């Protein structure tokens, strides 16, 4: 399987695709919702809340962290995660610009 040819697309298109990936799995959506609800948590809290195995939760956290939507701080032997406010604000702006587009010809097709 070949590599994705992200260079063929604009910065905005690549950013939208990454954002869509973050919301592309219900577990990641549930993690983000939980983080908004409690403002911060530890991975073990998510295991109890969402009901998935710890390694699965860790993979989703890793993906969300890689995408920049969450950040984590080491507290002793645990990692505490929260929403990254600056990246969240940026993501909202990108999504708003994309979703606020009007259909130029609504009678098409």
PDB file of N, CA and C in Angstrom:
ATOM      1  N   UNK A   1       0.847  -1.174   0.000  1.00  0.00           N
ATOM      2  CA  UNK A   1       0.000   0.000   0.000  1.00  0.00           C
ATOM      3  C   UNK A   1       0.890   1.234   0.000  1.00  0.00           C
ATOM      4  N   UNK A   2       0.581   2.211  -0.856  1.00  0.00           N
ATOM      5  CA  UNK A   2       1.390   3.409  -0.989  1.00  0.00           C
ATOM      6  C   UNK A   2       1.101   4.427   0.101  1.00  0.00           C
ATOM      7  N   UNK A   3       1.971   5.402   0.177  1.00  0.00           N
ATOM      8  CA  UNK A   3       1.797   6.480   1.142  1.00  0.00           C
ATOM      9  C   UNK A   3       0.725   7.444   0.664  1.00  0.00           C
ATOM     10  N   UNK A   4       0.053   8.080   1.610  1.00  0.00           N
ATOM     11  CA  UNK A   4      -0.927   9.103   1.251  1.00  0.00           C
ATOM     12  C   UNK A   4      -0.205  10.275   0.612  1.00  0.00           C
ATOM     13  N   UNK A   5      -0.763  10.820  -0.401  1.00  0.00           N
ATOM     14  CA  UNK A   5      -0.122  11.923  -1.122  1.00  0.00           C
ATOM     15  C   UNK A   5      -0.707  13.249  -0.646  1.00  0.00           C
ATOM     16  N   UNK A   6      -0.452  13.546   0.628  1.00  0.00           N
ATOM     17  CA  UNK A   6      -1.016  14.749   1.220  1.00  0.00           C
ATOM     18  C   UNK A   6      -0.488  16.018   0.579  1.00  0.00           C
ATOM     19  N   UNK A   7       0.650  15.956  -0.076  1.00  0.00           N
ATOM     20  CA  UNK A   7       1.203  17.138  -0.738  1.00  0.00           C
ATOM     21  C   UNK A   7       0.334  17.601  -1.907  1.00  0.00           C
ATOM     22  N   UNK A   8      -0.546  16.735  -2.383  1.00  0.00           N
ATOM     23  CA  UNK A   8      -1.439  17.102  -3.481  1.00  0.00           C
ATOM     24  C   UNK A   8      -2.565  18.027  -3.034  1.00  0.00           C
ATOM     25  N   UNK A   9      -2.751  18.158  -1.727  1.00  0.00           N
ATOM     26  CA  UNK A   9      -3.896  18.881  -1.185  1.00  0.00           C
ATOM     27  C   UNK A   9      -3.439  20.118  -0.425  1.00  0.00           C
ATOM     28  N   UNK A  10      -4.351  21.052  -0.261  1.00  0.00           N
ATOM     29  CA  UNK A  10      -4.024  22.283   0.453  1.00  0.00           C
ATOM     30  C   UNK A  10      -3.857  21.999   1.944  1.00  0.00           C
ATOM     31  N   UNK A  11      -3.255  22.968   2.617  1.00  0.00           N
ATOM     32  CA  UNK A  11      -3.092  22.866   4.073  1.00  0.00           C
ATOM     33  C   UNK A  11      -4.463  22.700   4.739  1.00  0.00           C
ATOM     34  N   UNK A  12      -5.440  23.465   4.283  1.00  0.00           N
ATOM     35  CA  UNK A  12      -6.780  23.406   4.855  1.00  0.00           C
ATOM     36  C   UNK A  12      -7.420  22.037   4.635  1.00  0.00           C
ATOM     37  N   UNK A  13      -7.251  21.467   3.457  1.00  0.00           N
ATOM     38  CA  UNK A  13      -7.803  20.142   3.174  1.00  0.00           C
ATOM     39  C   UNK A  13      -7.170  19.084   4.071  1.00  0.00           C
ATOM     40  N   UNK A  14      -5.870  19.166   4.252  1.00  0.00           N
ATOM     41  CA  UNK A  14      -5.184  18.216   5.134  1.00  0.00           C
ATOM     42  C   UNK A  14      -5.629  18.385   6.585  1.00  0.00           C
ATOM     43  N   UNK A  15      -5.801  19.634   7.031  1.00  0.00           N
ATOM     44  CA  UNK A  15      -6.259  19.880   8.400  1.00  0.00           C
ATOM     45  C   UNK A  15      -7.670  19.337   8.615  1.00  0.00           C
ATOM     46  N   UNK A  16      -8.558  19.567   7.647  1.00  0.00           N
ATOM     47  CA  UNK A  16      -9.922  19.047   7.745  1.00  0.00           C
ATOM     48  C   UNK A  16      -9.931  17.522   7.814  1.00  0.00           C
ATOM     49  N   UNK A  17      -9.084  16.900   7.030  1.00  0.00           N
ATOM     50  CA  UNK A  17      -9.011  15.438   7.036  1.00  0.00           C
ATOM     51  C   UNK A  17      -8.547  14.919   8.398  1.00  0.00           C
ATOM     52  N   UNK A  18      -7.573  15.601   9.007  1.00  0.00           N
ATOM     53  CA  UNK A  18      -7.111  15.192  10.335  1.00  0.00           C
ATOM     54  C   UNK A  18      -8.200  15.378  11.387  1.00  0.00           C
ATOM     55  N   UNK A  19      -8.928  16.483  11.295  1.00  0.00           N
ATOM     56  CA  UNK A  19     -10.033  16.717  12.225  1.00  0.00           C
ATOM     57  C   UNK A  19     -11.088  15.637  12.062  1.00  0.00           C
ATOM     58  N   UNK A  20     -11.416  15.320  10.822  1.00  0.00           N
ATOM     59  CA  UNK A  20     -12.412  14.274  10.564  1.00  0.00           C
ATOM     60  C   UNK A  20     -11.959  12.942  11.148  1.00  0.00           C
ATOM     61  N   UNK A  21     -10.670  12.685  11.096  1.00  0.00           N
ATOM     62  CA  UNK A  21     -10.139  11.442  11.670  1.00  0.00           C
ATOM     63  C   UNK A  21     -10.375  11.406  13.171  1.00  0.00           C
ATOM     64  N   UNK A  22     -10.211  12.550  13.830  1.00  0.00           N
ATOM     65  CA  UNK A  22     -10.436  12.602  15.281  1.00  0.00           C
ATOM     66  C   UNK A  22     -11.869  12.227  15.622  1.00  0.00           C
ATOM     67  N   UNK A  23     -12.812  12.661  14.803  1.00  0.00           N
ATOM     68  CA  UNK A  23     -14.219  12.380  15.052  1.00  0.00           C
ATOM     69  C   UNK A  23     -14.688  11.126  14.327  1.00  0.00           C
ATOM     70  N   UNK A  24     -13.766  10.410  13.707  1.00  0.00           N
ATOM     71  CA  UNK A  24     -14.109   9.240  12.911  1.00  0.00           C
ATOM     72  C   UNK A  24     -14.352   7.974  13.707  1.00  0.00           C
ATOM     73  N   UNK A  25     -14.217   8.022  15.011  1.00  0.00           N
ATOM     74  CA  UNK A  25     -14.479   6.845  15.850  1.00  0.00           C
ATOM     75  C   UNK A  25     -15.278   7.285  17.068  1.00  0.00           C
ATOM     76  N   UNK A  26     -16.361   6.596  17.380  1.00  0.00           N
ATOM     77  CA  UNK A  26     -17.205   7.013  18.511  1.00  0.00           C
ATOM     78  C   UNK A  26     -16.468   7.005  19.852  1.00  0.00           C
ATOM     79  N   UNK A  27     -15.462   6.177  20.006  1.00  0.00           N
ATOM     80  CA  UNK A  27     -14.713   6.178  21.269  1.00  0.00           C
ATOM     81  C   UNK A  27     -13.972   7.499  21.452  1.00  0.00           C
ATOM     82  N   UNK A  28     -13.421   8.050  20.376  1.00  0.00           N
ATOM     83  CA  UNK A  28     -12.720   9.326  20.485  1.00  0.00           C
ATOM     84  C   UNK A  28     -13.701  10.456  20.785  1.00  0.00           C
ATOM     85  N   UNK A  29     -14.875  10.387  20.198  1.00  0.00           N
ATOM     86  CA  UNK A  29     -15.911  11.378  20.499  1.00  0.00           C
ATOM     87  C   UNK A  29     -16.298  11.269  21.975  1.00  0.00           C
ATOM     88  N   UNK A  30     -16.481  10.050  22.468  1.00  0.00           N
ATOM     89  CA  UNK A  30     -16.838   9.838  23.874  1.00  0.00           C
ATOM     90  C   UNK A  30     -15.736  10.347  24.804  1.00  0.00           C
ATOM     91  N   UNK A  31     -14.485  10.134  24.443  1.00  0.00           N
ATOM     92  CA  UNK A  31     -13.364  10.622  25.246  1.00  0.00           C
ATOM     93  C   UNK A  31     -13.391  12.144  25.314  1.00  0.00           C
ATOM     94  N   UNK A  32     -13.567  12.800  24.169  1.00  0.00           N
ATOM     95  CA  UNK A  32     -13.614  14.262  24.155  1.00  0.00           C
ATOM     96  C   UNK A  32     -14.795  14.778  24.981  1.00  0.00           C
ATOM     97  N   UNK A  33     -15.953  14.144  24.837  1.00  0.00           N
ATOM     98  CA  UNK A  33     -17.115  14.569  25.618  1.00  0.00           C
ATOM     99  C   UNK A  33     -16.848  14.421  27.116  1.00  0.00           C
ATOM    100  N   UNK A  34     -16.227  13.335  27.498  1.00  0.00           N
ATOM    101  CA  UNK A  34     -15.925  13.098  28.910  1.00  0.00           C
ATOM    102  C   UNK A  34     -14.925  14.137  29.422  1.00  0.00           C
ATOM    103  N   UNK A  35     -13.919  14.449  28.629  1.00  0.00           N
ATOM    104  CA  UNK A  35     -12.943  15.453  29.042  1.00  0.00           C
ATOM    105  C   UNK A  35     -13.590  16.826  29.210  1.00  0.00           C
ATOM    106  N   UNK A  36     -14.549  17.163  28.357  1.00  0.00           N
ATOM    107  CA  UNK A  36     -15.259  18.428  28.518  1.00  0.00           C
ATOM    108  C   UNK A  36     -16.103  18.417  29.785  1.00  0.00           C
ATOM    109  N   UNK A  37     -16.688  17.273  30.079  1.00  0.00           N
ATOM    110  CA  UNK A  37     -17.567  17.164  31.239  1.00  0.00           C
ATOM    111  C   UNK A  37     -16.801  17.312  32.552  1.00  0.00           C
ATOM    112  N   UNK A  38     -15.628  16.668  32.657  1.00  0.00           N
ATOM    113  CA  UNK A  38     -14.914  16.685  33.928  1.00  0.00           C
ATOM    114  C   UNK A  38     -13.681  17.575  33.910  1.00  0.00           C
ATOM    115  N   UNK A  39     -13.325  18.105  32.744  1.00  0.00           N
ATOM    116  CA  UNK A  39     -12.208  19.021  32.531  1.00  0.00           C
ATOM    117  C   UNK A  39     -10.836  18.361  32.547  1.00  0.00           C
ATOM    118  N   UNK A  40     -10.651  17.264  33.251  1.00  0.00           N
ATOM    119  CA  UNK A  40      -9.380  16.532  33.225  1.00  0.00           C
ATOM    120  C   UNK A  40      -9.641  15.130  33.759  1.00  0.00           C
ATOM    121  N   UNK A  41      -8.791  14.203  33.382  1.00  0.00           N
ATOM    122  CA  UNK A  41      -8.982  12.837  33.854  1.00  0.00           C
ATOM    123  C   UNK A  41      -7.694  12.041  33.714  1.00  0.00           C
ATOM    124  N   UNK A  42      -7.737  10.836  34.199  1.00  0.00           N
ATOM    125  CA  UNK A  42      -6.642   9.884  34.075  1.00  0.00           C
ATOM    126  C   UNK A  42      -7.156   8.742  33.207  1.00  0.00           C
ATOM    127  N   UNK A  43      -6.277   8.111  32.473  1.00  0.00           N
ATOM    128  CA  UNK A  43      -6.667   7.048  31.546  1.00  0.00           C
ATOM    129  C   UNK A  43      -7.567   6.006  32.213  1.00  0.00           C
ATOM    130  N   UNK A  44      -7.265   5.623  33.448  1.00  0.00           N
ATOM    131  CA  UNK A  44      -8.084   4.634  34.149  1.00  0.00           C
ATOM    132  C   UNK A  44      -9.521   5.089  34.327  1.00  0.00           C
ATOM    133  N   UNK A  45      -9.728   6.397  34.510  1.00  0.00           N
ATOM    134  CA  UNK A  45     -11.085   6.939  34.620  1.00  0.00           C
ATOM    135  C   UNK A  45     -11.858   6.680  33.327  1.00  0.00           C
ATOM    136  N   UNK A  46     -11.184   6.833  32.206  1.00  0.00           N
ATOM    137  CA  UNK A  46     -11.831   6.626  30.913  1.00  0.00           C
ATOM    138  C   UNK A  46     -12.212   5.167  30.709  1.00  0.00           C
ATOM    139  N   UNK A  47     -11.380   4.260  31.180  1.00  0.00           N
ATOM    140  CA  UNK A  47     -11.681   2.827  31.067  1.00  0.00           C
ATOM    141  C   UNK A  47     -13.005   2.545  31.765  1.00  0.00           C
ATOM    142  N   UNK A  48     -13.164   3.089  32.968  1.00  0.00           N
ATOM    143  CA  UNK A  48     -14.399   2.877  33.719  1.00  0.00           C
ATOM    144  C   UNK A  48     -15.584   3.575  33.074  1.00  0.00           C
ATOM    145  N   UNK A  49     -15.365   4.766  32.559  1.00  0.00           N
ATOM    146  CA  UNK A  49     -16.453   5.561  31.980  1.00  0.00           C
ATOM    147  C   UNK A  49     -16.915   5.021  30.628  1.00  0.00           C
ATOM    148  N   UNK A  50     -15.983   4.671  29.761  1.00  0.00           N
ATOM    149  CA  UNK A  50     -16.323   4.307  28.386  1.00  0.00           C
ATOM    150  C   UNK A  50     -16.509   2.802  28.216  1.00  0.00           C
ATOM    151  N   UNK A  51     -15.818   2.019  29.032  1.00  0.00           N
ATOM    152  CA  UNK A  51     -16.023   0.579  28.996  1.00  0.00           C
ATOM    153  C   UNK A  51     -15.149  -0.174  28.013  1.00  0.00           C
ATOM    154  N   UNK A  52     -14.132   0.469  27.494  1.00  0.00           N
ATOM    155  CA  UNK A  52     -13.196  -0.222  26.609  1.00  0.00           C
ATOM    156  C   UNK A  52     -11.960  -0.613  27.405  1.00  0.00           C
ATOM    157  N   UNK A  53     -11.191  -1.520  26.872  1.00  0.00           N
ATOM    158  CA  UNK A  53      -9.965  -1.960  27.538  1.00  0.00           C
ATOM    159  C   UNK A  53      -8.952  -0.811  27.598  1.00  0.00           C
ATOM    160  N   UNK A  54      -8.101  -0.854  28.600  1.00  0.00           N
ATOM    161  CA  UNK A  54      -7.107   0.188  28.795  1.00  0.00           C
ATOM    162  C   UNK A  54      -6.200   0.386  27.581  1.00  0.00           C
ATOM    163  N   UNK A  55      -5.705  -0.679  26.942  1.00  0.00           N
ATOM    164  CA  UNK A  55      -4.866  -0.464  25.744  1.00  0.00           C
ATOM    165  C   UNK A  55      -5.631   0.231  24.605  1.00  0.00           C
ATOM    166  N   UNK A  56      -6.923  -0.063  24.484  1.00  0.00           N
ATOM    167  CA  UNK A  56      -7.736   0.577  23.447  1.00  0.00           C
ATOM    168  C   UNK A  56      -7.910   2.059  23.745  1.00  0.00           C
ATOM    169  N   UNK A  57      -8.209   2.378  25.000  1.00  0.00           N
ATOM    170  CA  UNK A  57      -8.334   3.778  25.409  1.00  0.00           C
ATOM    171  C   UNK A  57      -7.009   4.504  25.167  1.00  0.00           C
ATOM    172  N   UNK A  58      -5.907   3.862  25.520  1.00  0.00           N
ATOM    173  CA  UNK A  58      -4.586   4.474  25.325  1.00  0.00           C
ATOM    174  C   UNK A  58      -4.326   4.780  23.861  1.00  0.00           C
ATOM    175  N   UNK A  59      -4.733   3.895  22.966  1.00  0.00           N
ATOM    176  CA  UNK A  59      -4.543   4.128  21.521  1.00  0.00           C
ATOM    177  C   UNK A  59      -5.345   5.338  21.061  1.00  0.00           C
ATOM    178  N   UNK A  60      -6.596   5.434  21.536  1.00  0.00           N
ATOM    179  CA  UNK A  60      -7.432   6.582  21.149  1.00  0.00           C
ATOM    180  C   UNK A  60      -6.871   7.876  21.735  1.00  0.00           C
ATOM    181  N   UNK A  61      -6.389   7.831  22.968  1.00  0.00           N
ATOM    182  CA  UNK A  61      -5.761   9.011  23.575  1.00  0.00           C
ATOM    183  C   UNK A  61      -4.522   9.423  22.791  1.00  0.00           C
ATOM    184  N   UNK A  62      -3.738   8.445  22.382  1.00  0.00           N
ATOM    185  CA  UNK A  62      -2.534   8.721  21.588  1.00  0.00           C
ATOM    186  C   UNK A  62      -2.910   9.415  20.284  1.00  0.00           C
ATOM    187  N   UNK A  63      -3.960   8.946  19.636  1.00  0.00           N
ATOM    188  CA  UNK A  63      -4.405   9.548  18.379  1.00  0.00           C
ATOM    189  C   UNK A  63      -4.891  10.975  18.602  1.00  0.00           C
ATOM    190  N   UNK A  64      -5.699  11.200  19.636  1.00  0.00           N
ATOM    191  CA  UNK A  64      -6.193  12.543  19.924  1.00  0.00           C
ATOM    192  C   UNK A  64      -5.053  13.491  20.297  1.00  0.00           C
ATOM    193  N   UNK A  65      -4.068  12.962  21.008  1.00  0.00           N
ATOM    194  CA  UNK A  65      -2.911  13.777  21.375  1.00  0.00           C
ATOM    195  C   UNK A  65      -2.080  14.099  20.127  1.00  0.00           C
ATOM    196  N   UNK A  66      -1.894  13.116  19.267  1.00  0.00           N
ATOM    197  CA  UNK A  66      -1.163  13.322  18.014  1.00  0.00           C
ATOM    198  C   UNK A  66      -1.855  14.391  17.158  1.00  0.00           C
ATOM    199  N   UNK A  67      -3.167  14.399  17.150  1.00  0.00           N
ATOM    200  CA  UNK A  67      -3.922  15.382  16.385  1.00  0.00           C
ATOM    201  C   UNK A  67      -3.937  16.749  17.070  1.00  0.00           C
ATOM    202  N   UNK A  68      -3.474  16.792  18.320  1.00  0.00           N
ATOM    203  CA  UNK A  68      -3.362  18.055  19.032  1.00  0.00           C
ATOM    204  C   UNK A  68      -4.610  18.498  19.765  1.00  0.00           C
ATOM    205  N   UNK A  69      -5.648  17.674  19.788  1.00  0.00           N
ATOM    206  CA  UNK A  69      -6.888  18.089  20.442  1.00  0.00           C
ATOM    207  C   UNK A  69      -6.836  17.936  21.954  1.00  0.00           C
ATOM    208  N   UNK A  70      -5.959  17.064  22.444  1.00  0.00           N
ATOM    209  CA  UNK A  70      -5.790  16.916  23.885  1.00  0.00           C
ATOM    210  C   UNK A  70      -4.311  17.018  24.222  1.00  0.00           C
ATOM    211  N   UNK A  71      -4.038  17.243  25.487  1.00  0.00           N
ATOM    212  CA  UNK A  71      -2.664  17.221  25.967  1.00  0.00           C
ATOM    213  C   UNK A  71      -2.654  16.473  27.286  1.00  0.00           C
ATOM    214  N   UNK A  72      -1.492  15.970  27.648  1.00  0.00           N
ATOM    215  CA  UNK A  72      -1.383  15.190  28.868  1.00  0.00           C
ATOM    216  C   UNK A  72      -0.190  15.596  29.693  1.00  0.00           C
ATOM    217  N   UNK A  73      -0.356  15.542  30.998  1.00  0.00           N
ATOM    218  CA  UNK A  73       0.717  15.836  31.940  1.00  0.00           C
ATOM    219  C   UNK A  73       0.934  14.623  32.826  1.00  0.00           C
ATOM    220  N   UNK A  74       2.193  14.297  33.065  1.00  0.00           N
ATOM    221  CA  UNK A  74       2.515  13.176  33.935  1.00  0.00           C
ATOM    222  C   UNK A  74       2.386  13.644  35.380  1.00  0.00           C
ATOM    223  N   UNK A  75       1.606  12.895  36.143  1.00  0.00           N
ATOM    224  CA  UNK A  75       1.421  13.169  37.567  1.00  0.00           C
ATOM    225  C   UNK A  75       1.756  11.888  38.325  1.00  0.00           C
ATOM    226  N   UNK A  76       2.980  11.790  38.759  1.00  0.00           N
ATOM    227  CA  UNK A  76       3.431  10.559  39.413  1.00  0.00           C
ATOM    228  C   UNK A  76       3.544   9.454  38.386  1.00  0.00           C
ATOM    229  N   UNK A  77       2.782   8.381  38.592  1.00  0.00           N
ATOM    230  CA  UNK A  77       2.792   7.258  37.659  1.00  0.00           C
ATOM    231  C   UNK A  77       1.613   7.311  36.692  1.00  0.00           C
ATOM    232  N   UNK A  78       0.863   8.392  36.731  1.00  0.00           N
ATOM    233  CA  UNK A  78      -0.337   8.503  35.896  1.00  0.00           C
ATOM    234  C   UNK A  78      -0.207   9.690  34.951  1.00  0.00           C
ATOM    235  N   UNK A  79      -1.016   9.665  33.903  1.00  0.00           N
ATOM    236  CA  UNK A  79      -1.068  10.784  32.964  1.00  0.00           C
ATOM    237  C   UNK A  79      -2.456  11.399  33.045  1.00  0.00           C
ATOM    238  N   UNK A  80      -2.501  12.698  33.229  1.00  0.00           N
ATOM    239  CA  UNK A  80      -3.757  13.429  33.298  1.00  0.00           C
ATOM    240  C   UNK A  80      -3.965  14.131  31.955  1.00  0.00           C
ATOM    241  N   UNK A  81      -5.112  13.906  31.335  1.00  0.00           N
ATOM    242  CA  UNK A  81      -5.404  14.473  30.020  1.00  0.00           C
ATOM    243  C   UNK A  81      -6.450  15.571  30.126  1.00  0.00           C
ATOM    244  N   UNK A  82      -6.348  16.543  29.220  1.00  0.00           N
ATOM    245  CA  UNK A  82      -7.362  17.587  29.104  1.00  0.00           C
ATOM    246  C   UNK A  82      -7.396  18.078  27.655  1.00  0.00           C
ATOM    247  N   UNK A  83      -8.455  18.815  27.325  1.00  0.00           N
ATOM    248  CA  UNK A  83      -8.576  19.408  26.004  1.00  0.00           C
ATOM    249  C   UNK A  83      -7.511  20.498  25.867  1.00  0.00           C
ATOM    250  N   UNK A  84      -6.856  20.562  24.714  1.00  0.00           N
ATOM    251  CA  UNK A  84      -5.902  21.636  24.438  1.00  0.00           C
ATOM    252  C   UNK A  84      -6.719  22.837  23.940  1.00  0.00           C
ATOM    253  N   UNK A  85      -6.870  23.880  24.754  1.00  0.00           N
ATOM    254  CA  UNK A  85      -7.781  24.973  24.394  1.00  0.00           C
ATOM    255  C   UNK A  85      -7.406  25.709  23.112  1.00  0.00           C
ATOM    256  N   UNK A  86      -6.127  25.946  22.878  1.00  0.00           N
ATOM    257  CA  UNK A  86      -5.710  26.681  21.673  1.00  0.00           C
ATOM    258  C   UNK A  86      -5.996  25.859  20.411  1.00  0.00           C
ATOM    259  N   UNK A  87      -5.641  24.580  20.435  1.00  0.00           N
ATOM    260  CA  UNK A  87      -5.887  23.725  19.272  1.00  0.00           C
ATOM    261  C   UNK A  87      -7.379  23.483  19.063  1.00  0.00           C
ATOM    262  N   UNK A  88      -8.135  23.405  20.154  1.00  0.00           N
ATOM    263  CA  UNK A  88      -9.588  23.224  20.035  1.00  0.00           C
ATOM    264  C   UNK A  88     -10.206  24.449  19.359  1.00  0.00           C
ATOM    265  N   UNK A  89      -9.774  25.626  19.774  1.00  0.00           N
ATOM    266  CA  UNK A  89     -10.268  26.869  19.179  1.00  0.00           C
ATOM    267  C   UNK A  89      -9.926  26.914  17.690  1.00  0.00           C
ATOM    268  N   UNK A  90      -8.708  26.536  17.341  1.00  0.00           N
ATOM    269  CA  UNK A  90      -8.284  26.505  15.941  1.00  0.00           C
ATOM    270  C   UNK A  90      -9.120  25.505  15.138  1.00  0.00           C
ATOM    271  N   UNK A  91      -9.358  24.326  15.715  1.00  0.00           N
ATOM    272  CA  UNK A  91     -10.162  23.311  15.028  1.00  0.00           C
ATOM    273  C   UNK A  91     -11.578  23.824  14.784  1.00  0.00           C
ATOM    274  N   UNK A  92     -12.156  24.488  15.775  1.00  0.00           N
ATOM    275  CA  UNK A  92     -13.508  25.032  15.612  1.00  0.00           C
ATOM    276  C   UNK A  92     -13.560  26.051  14.482  1.00  0.00           C
ATOM    277  N   UNK A  93     -12.536  26.885  14.376  1.00  0.00           N
ATOM    278  CA  UNK A  93     -12.486  27.885  13.326  1.00  0.00           C
ATOM    279  C   UNK A  93     -12.398  27.243  11.944  1.00  0.00           C
ATOM    280  N   UNK A  94     -11.548  26.232  11.827  1.00  0.00           N
ATOM    281  CA  UNK A  94     -11.399  25.516  10.549  1.00  0.00           C
ATOM    282  C   UNK A  94     -12.722  24.859  10.157  1.00  0.00           C
ATOM    283  N   UNK A  95     -13.354  24.196  11.115  1.00  0.00           N
ATOM    284  CA  UNK A  95     -14.623  23.515  10.827  1.00  0.00           C
ATOM    285  C   UNK A  95     -15.726  24.521  10.498  1.00  0.00           C
ATOM    286  N   UNK A  96     -15.760  25.629  11.220  1.00  0.00           N
ATOM    287  CA  UNK A  96     -16.783  26.646  10.966  1.00  0.00           C
ATOM    288  C   UNK A  96     -16.647  27.191   9.552  1.00  0.00           C
ATOM    289  N   UNK A  97     -15.414  27.522   9.150  1.00  0.00           N
ATOM    290  CA  UNK A  97     -15.192  28.034   7.794  1.00  0.00           C
ATOM    291  C   UNK A  97     -15.674  27.031   6.753  1.00  0.00           C
ATOM    292  N   UNK A  98     -15.394  25.755   6.988  1.00  0.00           N
ATOM    293  CA  UNK A  98     -15.787  24.724   6.030  1.00  0.00           C
ATOM    294  C   UNK A  98     -17.306  24.528   6.012  1.00  0.00           C
ATOM    295  N   UNK A  99     -17.912  24.451   7.184  1.00  0.00           N
ATOM    296  CA  UNK A  99     -19.347  24.166   7.264  1.00  0.00           C
ATOM    297  C   UNK A  99     -20.226  25.364   6.942  1.00  0.00           C
ATOM    298  N   UNK A 100     -19.681  26.568   6.990  1.00  0.00           N
ATOM    299  CA  UNK A 100     -20.463  27.762   6.677  1.00  0.00           C
ATOM    300  C   UNK A 100     -20.555  28.051   5.184  1.00  0.00           C
ATOM    301  N   UNK A 101     -19.984  27.192   4.362  1.00  0.00           N
ATOM    302  CA  UNK A 101     -20.083  27.389   2.916  1.00  0.00           C
ATOM    303  C   UNK A 101     -21.530  27.177   2.476  1.00  0.00           C
ATOM    304  N   UNK A 102     -21.972  28.015   1.567  1.00  0.00           N
ATOM    305  CA  UNK A 102     -23.307  27.860   1.007  1.00  0.00           C
ATOM    306  C   UNK A 102     -23.224  27.122  -0.322  1.00  0.00           C
ATOM    307  N   UNK A 103     -24.241  26.362  -0.601  1.00  0.00           N
ATOM    308  CA  UNK A 103     -24.300  25.644  -1.883  1.00  0.00           C
ATOM    309  C   UNK A 103     -24.621  26.671  -2.954  1.00  0.00           C
ATOM    310  N   UNK A 104     -23.747  26.816  -3.971  1.00  0.00           N
ATOM    311  CA  UNK A 104     -23.934  27.858  -4.971  1.00  0.00           C
ATOM    312  C   UNK A 104     -25.199  27.667  -5.814  1.00  0.00           C
ATOM    313  N   UNK A 105     -25.540  26.448  -6.131  1.00  0.00           N
ATOM    314  CA  UNK A 105     -26.705  26.170  -6.947  1.00  0.00           C
ATOM    315  C   UNK A 105     -27.507  25.040  -6.285  1.00  0.00           C
ATOM    316  N   UNK A 106     -28.427  25.383  -5.380  1.00  0.00           N
ATOM    317  CA  UNK A 106     -29.164  24.349  -4.654  1.00  0.00           C
ATOM    318  C   UNK A 106     -30.069  23.496  -5.543  1.00  0.00           C
ATOM    319  N   UNK A 107     -30.323  23.935  -6.783  1.00  0.00           N
ATOM    320  CA  UNK A 107     -31.183  23.161  -7.688  1.00  0.00           C
ATOM    321  C   UNK A 107     -30.397  22.160  -8.524  1.00  0.00           C
ATOM    322  N   UNK A 108     -29.098  22.077  -8.299  1.00  0.00           N
ATOM    323  CA  UNK A 108     -28.261  21.141  -9.056  1.00  0.00           C
ATOM    324  C   UNK A 108     -28.639  19.703  -8.695  1.00  0.00           C
ATOM    325  N   UNK A 109     -28.619  18.831  -9.673  1.00  0.00           N
ATOM    326  CA  UNK A 109     -28.918  17.400  -9.520  1.00  0.00           C
ATOM    327  C   UNK A 109     -30.292  17.188  -8.970  1.00  0.00           C
TER     328      UNK A 109
END
